[in-house]
Amino acid sequence: MIKRASPPLADLWDEQAPGTLTWLQAWYATQTNGDWEHGYGVKITTLDNPGWSVSIDLNETQQDGQPFLGQEVIRSEHDWYVARVSRSIFKADCGPLNLGEVLHIFRVWVDGKTRGVN
């Protein structure tokens, strides 16, 4: 069994905000224009070590070309993530219980807010 050392991230900067998955759905919907979704999109797959891999196309979005400071956090064998932007794609690989965390990192970057800062 895999145990997480800390609880999942809460949305500390806005208690009334929708959950991260609901937010991601809305972000995706705002990118669709009849063309974008045919060539770009959001991909979430599993890794065999175990874990998750996330790829979010940024081409033709407001985030395309915006700076993102890559992040690498390793807390334990199954509690880790690596997030970066490369060639207009937000990419994150993470442990089996860190999917929500990397999606939250993407959300905070897109919204331009820092957790815990009003």
Protein backbone atom coordinates (compact mmCIF):
# COMPACT_ATOMS: atom_id res chain seq x y z
CA MET A 1 0.00 0.00 0.00
CA ILE A 2 1.17 3.52 -0.80
CA LYS A 3 0.76 6.15 1.90
CA ARG A 4 0.95 9.88 1.34
CA ALA A 5 3.02 11.85 3.83
CA SER A 6 0.83 14.95 3.68
CA PRO A 7 -2.82 15.67 2.84
CA PRO A 8 -3.79 16.83 -0.67
CA LEU A 9 -3.43 20.52 -1.39
CA ALA A 10 -6.40 22.72 -0.59
CA ASP A 11 -7.17 25.82 -2.57
CA LEU A 12 -5.70 28.13 0.06
CA TRP A 13 -6.13 31.32 -1.92
CA ASP A 14 -9.85 31.00 -2.62
CA GLU A 15 -12.12 28.74 -0.57
CA GLN A 16 -15.03 29.43 -2.95
CA ALA A 17 -13.10 28.39 -6.07
CA PRO A 18 -14.10 25.21 -7.88
CA GLY A 19 -11.98 22.10 -7.39
CA THR A 20 -8.95 21.65 -9.61
CA LEU A 21 -10.57 19.10 -11.92
CA THR A 22 -13.62 21.33 -12.44
CA TRP A 23 -11.27 24.25 -13.07
CA LEU A 24 -9.24 22.21 -15.62
CA GLN A 25 -12.43 21.28 -17.47
CA ALA A 26 -13.37 24.96 -17.70
CA TRP A 27 -9.84 25.92 -18.82
CA TYR A 28 -9.99 23.28 -21.56
CA ALA A 29 -13.44 24.42 -22.66
CA THR A 30 -12.24 28.02 -23.01
CA GLN A 31 -9.41 26.90 -25.30
CA THR A 32 -11.68 25.05 -27.72
CA ASN A 33 -12.60 27.03 -30.80
CA GLY A 34 -13.38 24.44 -33.45
CA ASP A 35 -9.70 24.09 -34.39
CA TRP A 36 -7.54 24.05 -31.24
CA GLU A 37 -9.00 20.82 -29.87
CA HIS A 38 -8.21 18.97 -33.11
CA GLY A 39 -4.47 19.50 -32.77
CA TYR A 40 -3.95 20.19 -29.08
CA GLY A 41 -5.37 19.13 -25.75
CA VAL A 42 -4.83 17.63 -22.32
CA LYS A 43 -3.42 14.15 -21.81
CA ILE A 44 -3.26 12.29 -18.52
CA THR A 45 -1.72 8.83 -18.56
CA THR A 46 -0.26 6.42 -16.06
CA LEU A 47 3.39 5.53 -15.52
CA ASP A 48 4.62 2.05 -14.74
CA ASN A 49 6.70 2.99 -11.68
CA PRO A 50 3.71 3.76 -10.59
CA GLY A 51 2.58 7.30 -11.20
CA TRP A 52 0.99 9.78 -13.57
CA SER A 53 2.11 11.77 -16.60
CA VAL A 54 0.36 15.00 -17.59
CA SER A 55 0.80 16.89 -20.88
CA ILE A 56 -1.15 20.09 -21.52
CA ASP A 57 -0.68 21.81 -24.85
CA LEU A 58 -0.13 25.55 -24.52
CA ASN A 59 0.00 26.40 -28.22
CA GLU A 60 -2.47 29.16 -29.09
CA THR A 61 -3.35 29.75 -25.40
CA GLN A 62 -2.57 32.72 -23.19
CA GLN A 63 0.12 30.62 -21.49
CA ASP A 64 2.04 29.99 -24.74
CA GLY A 65 5.48 31.55 -24.28
CA GLN A 66 4.92 32.51 -20.64
CA PRO A 67 7.79 31.68 -18.26
CA PHE A 68 7.36 28.70 -15.95
CA LEU A 69 9.98 27.87 -13.35
CA GLY A 70 10.43 24.10 -13.49
CA GLN A 71 9.89 22.25 -10.24
CA GLU A 72 11.17 18.96 -8.86
CA VAL A 73 10.07 17.68 -5.46
CA ILE A 74 10.94 14.24 -4.16
CA ARG A 75 9.53 13.43 -0.74
CA SER A 76 9.64 9.64 -0.96
CA GLU A 77 9.61 6.80 -3.48
CA HIS A 78 5.92 7.31 -4.24
CA ASP A 79 5.45 10.97 -3.24
CA TRP A 80 7.16 13.13 -5.88
CA TYR A 81 6.66 15.30 -8.93
CA VAL A 82 8.58 16.99 -11.72
CA ALA A 83 6.85 19.84 -13.60
CA ARG A 84 8.20 21.87 -16.51
CA VAL A 85 7.25 23.62 -19.75
CA SER A 86 8.99 22.48 -22.90
CA ARG A 87 8.10 23.36 -26.49
CA SER A 88 4.79 24.93 -25.49
CA ILE A 89 3.69 21.91 -23.46
CA PHE A 90 3.24 21.84 -19.70
CA LYS A 91 4.61 18.45 -18.68
CA ALA A 92 4.45 16.86 -15.28
CA ASP A 93 5.30 13.38 -14.06
CA CYS A 94 4.42 12.43 -10.51
CA GLY A 95 3.82 9.71 -7.97
CA PRO A 96 0.53 7.83 -7.79
CA LEU A 97 -1.00 10.22 -5.24
CA ASN A 98 0.33 13.49 -6.67
CA LEU A 99 -1.91 13.97 -9.72
CA GLY A 100 -4.06 16.58 -7.97
CA GLU A 101 -0.93 18.37 -6.83
CA VAL A 102 0.52 18.78 -10.33
CA LEU A 103 -2.84 19.88 -11.74
CA HIS A 104 -2.99 22.44 -8.92
CA ILE A 105 0.51 23.66 -9.87
CA PHE A 106 -0.71 24.19 -13.43
CA ARG A 107 -3.79 26.01 -12.16
CA VAL A 108 -1.80 28.35 -9.90
CA TRP A 109 0.56 29.16 -12.79
CA VAL A 110 -2.29 29.87 -15.21
CA ASP A 111 -4.19 31.98 -12.70
CA GLY A 112 -1.00 33.82 -11.73
CA LYS A 113 -1.57 33.34 -8.02
CA THR A 114 0.68 32.00 -5.30
CA ARG A 115 -0.85 29.67 -2.73
CA GLY A 116 -1.29 31.31 0.62
CA VAL A 117 -0.83 34.87 -0.66
CA ASN A 118 -3.85 37.16 -0.99
